[in-house]
């Protein structure tokens, strides 16, 4: 009889461990599914909004960047002024 109880306890412990692992994996799979659905929803909404307002993301890809060093900018702002006059813009 003791062998039967030992086998039953072993089976019940294994069943609990397997149930815990499967529940944990199920929660992970559901979380991944929710994340994928949410990202697809955001993608769909962004496409719908851009179509609604006529916004094209490709319009702004070719932009000229003008690189101005700080020294040139400071010289331009303070050109012909003395410290007593102040260097503030009007």
PDB file of N, CA and C in Angstrom:
ATOM      1  N   UNK A   1       0.816  -1.192   0.000  1.00  0.00           N
ATOM      2  CA  UNK A   1       0.000   0.000   0.000  1.00  0.00           C
ATOM      3  C   UNK A   1       0.864   1.262   0.000  1.00  0.00           C
ATOM      4  N   UNK A   2       2.002   1.196   0.714  1.00  0.00           N
ATOM      5  CA  UNK A   2       2.863   2.377   0.753  1.00  0.00           C
ATOM      6  C   UNK A   2       3.459   2.674  -0.617  1.00  0.00           C
ATOM      7  N   UNK A   3       3.729   1.617  -1.392  1.00  0.00           N
ATOM      8  CA  UNK A   3       4.238   1.851  -2.739  1.00  0.00           C
ATOM      9  C   UNK A   3       3.192   2.546  -3.599  1.00  0.00           C
ATOM     10  N   UNK A   4       1.940   2.188  -3.420  1.00  0.00           N
ATOM     11  CA  UNK A   4       0.861   2.823  -4.183  1.00  0.00           C
ATOM     12  C   UNK A   4       0.758   4.302  -3.830  1.00  0.00           C
ATOM     13  N   UNK A   5       0.855   4.632  -2.545  1.00  0.00           N
ATOM     14  CA  UNK A   5       0.798   6.043  -2.136  1.00  0.00           C
ATOM     15  C   UNK A   5       1.993   6.824  -2.679  1.00  0.00           C
ATOM     16  N   UNK A   6       3.153   6.202  -2.640  1.00  0.00           N
ATOM     17  CA  UNK A   6       4.352   6.869  -3.162  1.00  0.00           C
ATOM     18  C   UNK A   6       4.205   7.151  -4.661  1.00  0.00           C
ATOM     19  N   UNK A   7       3.673   6.196  -5.416  1.00  0.00           N
ATOM     20  CA  UNK A   7       3.462   6.382  -6.856  1.00  0.00           C
ATOM     21  C   UNK A   7       2.422   7.469  -7.101  1.00  0.00           C
ATOM     22  N   UNK A   8       1.356   7.446  -6.307  1.00  0.00           N
ATOM     23  CA  UNK A   8       0.311   8.467  -6.474  1.00  0.00           C
ATOM     24  C   UNK A   8       0.844   9.867  -6.157  1.00  0.00           C
ATOM     25  N   UNK A   9       1.645   9.996  -5.091  1.00  0.00           N
ATOM     26  CA  UNK A   9       2.226  11.295  -4.766  1.00  0.00           C
ATOM     27  C   UNK A   9       3.195  11.755  -5.850  1.00  0.00           C
ATOM     28  N   UNK A  10       3.964  10.839  -6.370  1.00  0.00           N
ATOM     29  CA  UNK A  10       4.898  11.191  -7.439  1.00  0.00           C
ATOM     30  C   UNK A  10       4.132  11.664  -8.677  1.00  0.00           C
ATOM     31  N   UNK A  11       3.075  10.960  -9.030  1.00  0.00           N
ATOM     32  CA  UNK A  11       2.261  11.355 -10.185  1.00  0.00           C
ATOM     33  C   UNK A  11       1.599  12.702  -9.943  1.00  0.00           C
ATOM     34  N   UNK A  12       1.110  12.942  -8.741  1.00  0.00           N
ATOM     35  CA  UNK A  12       0.444  14.214  -8.453  1.00  0.00           C
ATOM     36  C   UNK A  12       1.443  15.374  -8.483  1.00  0.00           C
ATOM     37  N   UNK A  13       2.648  15.172  -7.959  1.00  0.00           N
ATOM     38  CA  UNK A  13       3.672  16.228  -7.995  1.00  0.00           C
ATOM     39  C   UNK A  13       4.080  16.509  -9.433  1.00  0.00           C
ATOM     40  N   UNK A  14       4.280  15.457 -10.224  1.00  0.00           N
ATOM     41  CA  UNK A  14       4.604  15.651 -11.642  1.00  0.00           C
ATOM     42  C   UNK A  14       3.487  16.386 -12.376  1.00  0.00           C
ATOM     43  N   UNK A  15       2.245  16.029 -12.053  1.00  0.00           N
ATOM     44  CA  UNK A  15       1.102  16.692 -12.683  1.00  0.00           C
ATOM     45  C   UNK A  15       1.079  18.184 -12.321  1.00  0.00           C
ATOM     46  N   UNK A  16       1.363  18.507 -11.073  1.00  0.00           N
ATOM     47  CA  UNK A  16       1.388  19.915 -10.650  1.00  0.00           C
ATOM     48  C   UNK A  16       2.508  20.671 -11.357  1.00  0.00           C
ATOM     49  N   UNK A  17       3.687  20.060 -11.467  1.00  0.00           N
ATOM     50  CA  UNK A  17       4.806  20.710 -12.146  1.00  0.00           C
ATOM     51  C   UNK A  17       4.485  20.936 -13.622  1.00  0.00           C
ATOM     52  N   UNK A  18       3.947  19.925 -14.286  1.00  0.00           N
ATOM     53  CA  UNK A  18       3.587  20.049 -15.704  1.00  0.00           C
ATOM     54  C   UNK A  18       2.498  21.097 -15.890  1.00  0.00           C
ATOM     55  N   UNK A  19       1.527  21.140 -14.985  1.00  0.00           N
ATOM     56  CA  UNK A  19       0.461  22.140 -15.081  1.00  0.00           C
ATOM     57  C   UNK A  19       1.031  23.550 -14.906  1.00  0.00           C
ATOM     58  N   UNK A  20       1.956  23.729 -13.976  1.00  0.00           N
ATOM     59  CA  UNK A  20       2.572  25.040 -13.759  1.00  0.00           C
ATOM     60  C   UNK A  20       3.371  25.486 -14.980  1.00  0.00           C
ATOM     61  N   UNK A  21       4.140  24.584 -15.560  1.00  0.00           N
ATOM     62  CA  UNK A  21       4.936  24.922 -16.743  1.00  0.00           C
ATOM     63  C   UNK A  21       4.037  25.266 -17.919  1.00  0.00           C
ATOM     64  N   UNK A  22       2.997  24.484 -18.134  1.00  0.00           N
ATOM     65  CA  UNK A  22       2.106  24.758 -19.266  1.00  0.00           C
ATOM     66  C   UNK A  22       1.341  26.072 -19.058  1.00  0.00           C
ATOM     67  N   UNK A  23       0.964  26.372 -17.828  1.00  0.00           N
ATOM     68  CA  UNK A  23       0.281  27.634 -17.548  1.00  0.00           C
ATOM     69  C   UNK A  23       1.222  28.816 -17.794  1.00  0.00           C
ATOM     70  N   UNK A  24       2.466  28.675 -17.369  1.00  0.00           N
ATOM     71  CA  UNK A  24       3.445  29.746 -17.586  1.00  0.00           C
ATOM     72  C   UNK A  24       3.691  29.971 -19.069  1.00  0.00           C
ATOM     73  N   UNK A  25       3.872  28.892 -19.819  1.00  0.00           N
ATOM     74  CA  UNK A  25       4.070  29.031 -21.256  1.00  0.00           C
ATOM     75  C   UNK A  25       2.833  29.613 -21.929  1.00  0.00           C
ATOM     76  N   UNK A  26       1.664  29.245 -21.453  1.00  0.00           N
ATOM     77  CA  UNK A  26       0.429  29.804 -22.002  1.00  0.00           C
ATOM     78  C   UNK A  26       0.345  31.300 -21.779  1.00  0.00           C
ATOM     79  N   UNK A  27       0.734  31.755 -20.596  1.00  0.00           N
ATOM     80  CA  UNK A  27       0.721  33.191 -20.312  1.00  0.00           C
ATOM     81  C   UNK A  27       1.711  33.923 -21.217  1.00  0.00           C
ATOM     82  N   UNK A  28       2.879  33.336 -21.440  1.00  0.00           N
ATOM     83  CA  UNK A  28       3.877  33.951 -22.322  1.00  0.00           C
ATOM     84  C   UNK A  28       3.344  34.032 -23.757  1.00  0.00           C
ATOM     85  N   UNK A  29       2.736  32.973 -24.234  1.00  0.00           N
ATOM     86  CA  UNK A  29       2.196  32.957 -25.595  1.00  0.00           C
ATOM     87  C   UNK A  29       1.079  33.983 -25.739  1.00  0.00           C
ATOM     88  N   UNK A  30       0.219  34.096 -24.756  1.00  0.00           N
ATOM     89  CA  UNK A  30      -0.853  35.092 -24.804  1.00  0.00           C
ATOM     90  C   UNK A  30      -0.272  36.508 -24.790  1.00  0.00           C
ATOM     91  N   UNK A  31       0.764  36.746 -23.999  1.00  0.00           N
ATOM     92  CA  UNK A  31       1.413  38.057 -23.976  1.00  0.00           C
ATOM     93  C   UNK A  31       2.021  38.409 -25.316  1.00  0.00           C
ATOM     94  N   UNK A  32       2.676  37.451 -25.948  1.00  0.00           N
ATOM     95  CA  UNK A  32       3.251  37.691 -27.272  1.00  0.00           C
ATOM     96  C   UNK A  32       2.148  37.969 -28.284  1.00  0.00           C
ATOM     97  N   UNK A  33       1.062  37.233 -28.213  1.00  0.00           N
ATOM     98  CA  UNK A  33      -0.052  37.452 -29.150  1.00  0.00           C
ATOM     99  C   UNK A  33      -0.655  38.839 -28.959  1.00  0.00           C
ATOM    100  N   UNK A  34      -0.804  39.282 -27.721  1.00  0.00           N
ATOM    101  CA  UNK A  34      -1.347  40.618 -27.463  1.00  0.00           C
ATOM    102  C   UNK A  34      -0.397  41.684 -27.991  1.00  0.00           C
ATOM    103  N   UNK A  35       0.911  41.499 -27.812  1.00  0.00           N
ATOM    104  CA  UNK A  35       1.886  42.469 -28.319  1.00  0.00           C
ATOM    105  C   UNK A  35       1.843  42.550 -29.841  1.00  0.00           C
ATOM    106  N   UNK A  36       1.727  41.415 -30.507  1.00  0.00           N
ATOM    107  CA  UNK A  36       1.661  41.414 -31.973  1.00  0.00           C
ATOM    108  C   UNK A  36       0.380  42.083 -32.451  1.00  0.00           C
ATOM    109  N   UNK A  37      -0.737  41.780 -31.818  1.00  0.00           N
ATOM    110  CA  UNK A  37      -2.007  42.395 -32.214  1.00  0.00           C
ATOM    111  C   UNK A  37      -1.966  43.900 -31.987  1.00  0.00           C
ATOM    112  N   UNK A  38      -1.393  44.342 -30.872  1.00  0.00           N
ATOM    113  CA  UNK A  38      -1.302  45.774 -30.590  1.00  0.00           C
ATOM    114  C   UNK A  38      -0.413  46.477 -31.607  1.00  0.00           C
ATOM    115  N   UNK A  39       0.721  45.864 -31.985  1.00  0.00           N
ATOM    116  CA  UNK A  39       1.604  46.502 -32.970  1.00  0.00           C
ATOM    117  C   UNK A  39       0.950  46.558 -34.342  1.00  0.00           C
ATOM    118  N   UNK A  40       0.211  45.512 -34.721  1.00  0.00           N
ATOM    119  CA  UNK A  40      -0.517  45.554 -35.995  1.00  0.00           C
ATOM    120  C   UNK A  40      -1.612  46.613 -35.956  1.00  0.00           C
ATOM    121  N   UNK A  41      -2.265  46.769 -34.823  1.00  0.00           N
ATOM    122  CA  UNK A  41      -3.296  47.798 -34.675  1.00  0.00           C
ATOM    123  C   UNK A  41      -2.687  49.187 -34.826  1.00  0.00           C
ATOM    124  N   UNK A  42      -1.536  49.423 -34.195  1.00  0.00           N
ATOM    125  CA  UNK A  42      -0.869  50.722 -34.320  1.00  0.00           C
ATOM    126  C   UNK A  42      -0.446  50.980 -35.757  1.00  0.00           C
ATOM    127  N   UNK A  43       0.048  49.947 -36.433  1.00  0.00           N
ATOM    128  CA  UNK A  43       0.449  50.094 -37.830  1.00  0.00           C
ATOM    129  C   UNK A  43      -0.759  50.440 -38.687  1.00  0.00           C
ATOM    130  N   UNK A  44      -1.882  49.769 -38.467  1.00  0.00           N
ATOM    131  CA  UNK A  44      -3.085  50.024 -39.235  1.00  0.00           C
ATOM    132  C   UNK A  44      -3.609  51.436 -38.978  1.00  0.00           C
ATOM    133  N   UNK A  45      -3.623  51.868 -37.714  1.00  0.00           N
ATOM    134  CA  UNK A  45      -4.102  53.199 -37.366  1.00  0.00           C
ATOM    135  C   UNK A  45      -3.209  54.268 -37.980  1.00  0.00           C
ATOM    136  N   UNK A  46      -1.889  54.082 -37.969  1.00  0.00           N
ATOM    137  CA  UNK A  46      -1.003  55.089 -38.542  1.00  0.00           C
ATOM    138  C   UNK A  46      -1.203  55.201 -40.049  1.00  0.00           C
ATOM    139  N   UNK A  47      -1.428  54.080 -40.723  1.00  0.00           N
ATOM    140  CA  UNK A  47      -1.694  54.131 -42.154  1.00  0.00           C
ATOM    141  C   UNK A  47      -3.042  54.802 -42.426  1.00  0.00           C
ATOM    142  N   UNK A  48      -4.016  54.513 -41.567  1.00  0.00           N
ATOM    143  CA  UNK A  48      -5.342  55.097 -41.751  1.00  0.00           C
ATOM    144  C   UNK A  48      -5.289  56.610 -41.534  1.00  0.00           C
ATOM    145  N   UNK A  49      -4.558  57.063 -40.518  1.00  0.00           N
ATOM    146  CA  UNK A  49      -4.437  58.496 -40.259  1.00  0.00           C
ATOM    147  C   UNK A  49      -3.699  59.205 -41.374  1.00  0.00           C
ATOM    148  N   UNK A  50      -2.610  58.593 -41.869  1.00  0.00           N
ATOM    149  CA  UNK A  50      -1.851  59.245 -42.927  1.00  0.00           C
ATOM    150  C   UNK A  50      -2.694  59.335 -44.202  1.00  0.00           C
ATOM    151  N   UNK A  51      -3.538  58.336 -44.456  1.00  0.00           N
ATOM    152  CA  UNK A  51      -4.407  58.398 -45.623  1.00  0.00           C
ATOM    153  C   UNK A  51      -5.515  59.430 -45.408  1.00  0.00           C
ATOM    154  N   UNK A  52      -5.987  59.557 -44.175  1.00  0.00           N
ATOM    155  CA  UNK A  52      -7.075  60.481 -43.882  1.00  0.00           C
ATOM    156  C   UNK A  52      -6.631  61.935 -44.035  1.00  0.00           C
ATOM    157  N   UNK A  53      -5.428  62.253 -43.551  1.00  0.00           N
ATOM    158  CA  UNK A  53      -4.960  63.633 -43.594  1.00  0.00           C
ATOM    159  C   UNK A  53      -4.069  63.919 -44.793  1.00  0.00           C
ATOM    160  N   UNK A  54      -3.854  62.961 -45.647  1.00  0.00           N
ATOM    161  CA  UNK A  54      -3.032  63.164 -46.828  1.00  0.00           C
ATOM    162  C   UNK A  54      -1.566  63.355 -46.500  1.00  0.00           C
ATOM    163  N   UNK A  55      -1.115  62.776 -45.425  1.00  0.00           N
ATOM    164  CA  UNK A  55       0.267  62.913 -45.000  1.00  0.00           C
ATOM    165  C   UNK A  55       1.089  61.796 -45.598  1.00  0.00           C
ATOM    166  N   UNK A  56       2.139  62.178 -46.287  1.00  0.00           N
ATOM    167  CA  UNK A  56       3.033  61.185 -46.878  1.00  0.00           C
ATOM    168  C   UNK A  56       4.376  61.280 -46.181  1.00  0.00           C
ATOM    169  N   UNK A  57       4.817  60.206 -45.583  1.00  0.00           N
ATOM    170  CA  UNK A  57       6.073  60.232 -44.840  1.00  0.00           C
ATOM    171  C   UNK A  57       7.273  60.420 -45.763  1.00  0.00           C
ATOM    172  N   UNK A  58       7.144  60.049 -47.016  1.00  0.00           N
ATOM    173  CA  UNK A  58       8.262  60.138 -47.937  1.00  0.00           C
ATOM    174  C   UNK A  58       8.499  61.565 -48.423  1.00  0.00           C
ATOM    175  N   UNK A  59       7.596  62.481 -48.139  1.00  0.00           N
ATOM    176  CA  UNK A  59       7.781  63.857 -48.573  1.00  0.00           C
ATOM    177  C   UNK A  59       9.000  64.489 -47.935  1.00  0.00           C
ATOM    178  N   UNK A  60       9.316  64.112 -46.728  1.00  0.00           N
ATOM    179  CA  UNK A  60      10.338  64.782 -45.948  1.00  0.00           C
ATOM    180  C   UNK A  60      11.651  63.998 -45.870  1.00  0.00           C
ATOM    181  N   UNK A  61      11.860  63.071 -46.770  1.00  0.00           N
ATOM    182  CA  UNK A  61      13.087  62.286 -46.693  1.00  0.00           C
ATOM    183  C   UNK A  61      14.278  63.017 -47.302  1.00  0.00           C
ATOM    184  N   UNK A  62      14.066  63.857 -48.309  1.00  0.00           N
ATOM    185  CA  UNK A  62      15.172  64.578 -48.933  1.00  0.00           C
ATOM    186  C   UNK A  62      15.224  65.989 -48.368  1.00  0.00           C
ATOM    187  N   UNK A  63      15.963  66.156 -47.295  1.00  0.00           N
ATOM    188  CA  UNK A  63      16.076  67.452 -46.631  1.00  0.00           C
ATOM    189  C   UNK A  63      17.539  67.845 -46.629  1.00  0.00           C
ATOM    190  N   UNK A  64      17.818  69.074 -47.020  1.00  0.00           N
ATOM    191  CA  UNK A  64      19.182  69.578 -46.972  1.00  0.00           C
ATOM    192  C   UNK A  64      19.508  69.989 -45.548  1.00  0.00           C
ATOM    193  N   UNK A  65      20.651  69.563 -45.083  1.00  0.00           N
ATOM    194  CA  UNK A  65      21.088  69.910 -43.739  1.00  0.00           C
ATOM    195  C   UNK A  65      22.199  70.936 -43.871  1.00  0.00           C
ATOM    196  N   UNK A  66      21.987  72.084 -43.264  1.00  0.00           N
ATOM    197  CA  UNK A  66      22.991  73.139 -43.285  1.00  0.00           C
ATOM    198  C   UNK A  66      23.734  73.103 -41.961  1.00  0.00           C
ATOM    199  N   UNK A  67      25.000  72.791 -42.040  1.00  0.00           N
ATOM    200  CA  UNK A  67      25.807  72.674 -40.838  1.00  0.00           C
ATOM    201  C   UNK A  67      26.487  74.012 -40.564  1.00  0.00           C
ATOM    202  N   UNK A  68      26.146  74.619 -39.465  1.00  0.00           N
ATOM    203  CA  UNK A  68      26.731  75.888 -39.076  1.00  0.00           C
ATOM    204  C   UNK A  68      27.472  75.662 -37.767  1.00  0.00           C
ATOM    205  N   UNK A  69      28.730  75.991 -37.762  1.00  0.00           N
ATOM    206  CA  UNK A  69      29.491  75.817 -36.523  1.00  0.00           C
ATOM    207  C   UNK A  69      29.104  76.920 -35.548  1.00  0.00           C
ATOM    208  N   UNK A  70      29.225  76.684 -34.263  1.00  0.00           N
ATOM    209  CA  UNK A  70      28.840  77.692 -33.268  1.00  0.00           C
ATOM    210  C   UNK A  70      29.641  78.988 -33.402  1.00  0.00           C
ATOM    211  N   UNK A  71      30.920  78.905 -33.786  1.00  0.00           N
ATOM    212  CA  UNK A  71      31.728  80.109 -33.905  1.00  0.00           C
ATOM    213  C   UNK A  71      31.196  81.037 -34.993  1.00  0.00           C
ATOM    214  N   UNK A  72      30.803  80.451 -36.125  1.00  0.00           N
ATOM    215  CA  UNK A  72      30.241  81.273 -37.197  1.00  0.00           C
ATOM    216  C   UNK A  72      28.943  81.927 -36.746  1.00  0.00           C
ATOM    217  N   UNK A  73      28.132  81.198 -36.028  1.00  0.00           N
ATOM    218  CA  UNK A  73      26.850  81.719 -35.570  1.00  0.00           C
ATOM    219  C   UNK A  73      27.063  82.851 -34.563  1.00  0.00           C
ATOM    220  N   UNK A  74      28.002  82.687 -33.654  1.00  0.00           N
ATOM    221  CA  UNK A  74      28.270  83.721 -32.650  1.00  0.00           C
ATOM    222  C   UNK A  74      28.839  84.965 -33.330  1.00  0.00           C
ATOM    223  N   UNK A  75      29.738  84.774 -34.294  1.00  0.00           N
ATOM    224  CA  UNK A  75      30.296  85.924 -35.015  1.00  0.00           C
ATOM    225  C   UNK A  75      29.203  86.680 -35.754  1.00  0.00           C
ATOM    226  N   UNK A  76      28.275  85.948 -36.341  1.00  0.00           N
ATOM    227  CA  UNK A  76      27.180  86.596 -37.078  1.00  0.00           C
ATOM    228  C   UNK A  76      26.294  87.395 -36.132  1.00  0.00           C
ATOM    229  N   UNK A  77      26.021  86.869 -34.951  1.00  0.00           N
ATOM    230  CA  UNK A  77      25.150  87.555 -33.998  1.00  0.00           C
ATOM    231  C   UNK A  77      25.817  88.781 -33.384  1.00  0.00           C
ATOM    232  N   UNK A  78      27.118  88.692 -33.122  1.00  0.00           N
ATOM    233  CA  UNK A  78      27.807  89.762 -32.411  1.00  0.00           C
ATOM    234  C   UNK A  78      28.578  90.692 -33.343  1.00  0.00           C
ATOM    235  N   UNK A  79      28.347  90.595 -34.616  1.00  0.00           N
ATOM    236  CA  UNK A  79      29.098  91.372 -35.596  1.00  0.00           C
ATOM    237  C   UNK A  79      28.872  92.867 -35.393  1.00  0.00           C
ATOM    238  N   UNK A  80      29.958  93.591 -35.176  1.00  0.00           N
ATOM    239  CA  UNK A  80      29.890  95.046 -35.060  1.00  0.00           C
ATOM    240  C   UNK A  80      29.354  95.538 -33.729  1.00  0.00           C
ATOM    241  N   UNK A  81      29.235  94.695 -32.726  1.00  0.00           N
ATOM    242  CA  UNK A  81      28.708  95.128 -31.434  1.00  0.00           C
ATOM    243  C   UNK A  81      29.812  95.055 -30.389  1.00  0.00           C
ATOM    244  N   UNK A  82      29.729  95.916 -29.435  1.00  0.00           N
ATOM    245  CA  UNK A  82      30.662  95.884 -28.318  1.00  0.00           C
ATOM    246  C   UNK A  82      29.958  95.287 -27.114  1.00  0.00           C
ATOM    247  N   UNK A  83      30.692  94.829 -26.106  1.00  0.00           N
ATOM    248  CA  UNK A  83      30.045  94.257 -24.921  1.00  0.00           C
ATOM    249  C   UNK A  83      29.137  95.251 -24.208  1.00  0.00           C
ATOM    250  N   UNK A  84      29.448  96.568 -24.291  1.00  0.00           N
ATOM    251  CA  UNK A  84      28.588  97.553 -23.624  1.00  0.00           C
ATOM    252  C   UNK A  84      27.219  97.641 -24.296  1.00  0.00           C
ATOM    253  N   UNK A  85      27.175  97.413 -25.589  1.00  0.00           N
ATOM    254  CA  UNK A  85      25.898  97.463 -26.308  1.00  0.00           C
ATOM    255  C   UNK A  85      25.072  96.223 -26.023  1.00  0.00           C
ATOM    256  N   UNK A  86      25.716  95.193 -25.655  1.00  0.00           N
ATOM    257  CA  UNK A  86      25.016  93.933 -25.398  1.00  0.00           C
ATOM    258  C   UNK A  86      24.939  93.096 -26.652  1.00  0.00           C
ATOM    259  N   UNK A  87      24.885  91.822 -26.464  1.00  0.00           N
ATOM    260  CA  UNK A  87      24.873  90.925 -27.609  1.00  0.00           C
ATOM    261  C   UNK A  87      23.505  90.299 -27.843  1.00  0.00           C
ATOM    262  N   UNK A  88      22.485  90.808 -27.219  1.00  0.00           N
ATOM    263  CA  UNK A  88      21.158  90.216 -27.371  1.00  0.00           C
ATOM    264  C   UNK A  88      20.560  90.584 -28.713  1.00  0.00           C
ATOM    265  N   UNK A  89      19.717  89.667 -29.187  1.00  0.00           N
ATOM    266  CA  UNK A  89      18.992  89.953 -30.424  1.00  0.00           C
ATOM    267  C   UNK A  89      17.865  90.912 -30.132  1.00  0.00           C
ATOM    268  N   UNK A  90      17.483  91.633 -31.137  1.00  0.00           N
ATOM    269  CA  UNK A  90      16.357  92.568 -30.985  1.00  0.00           C
ATOM    270  C   UNK A  90      15.075  91.904 -31.396  1.00  0.00           C
TER     271      UNK A  90
END
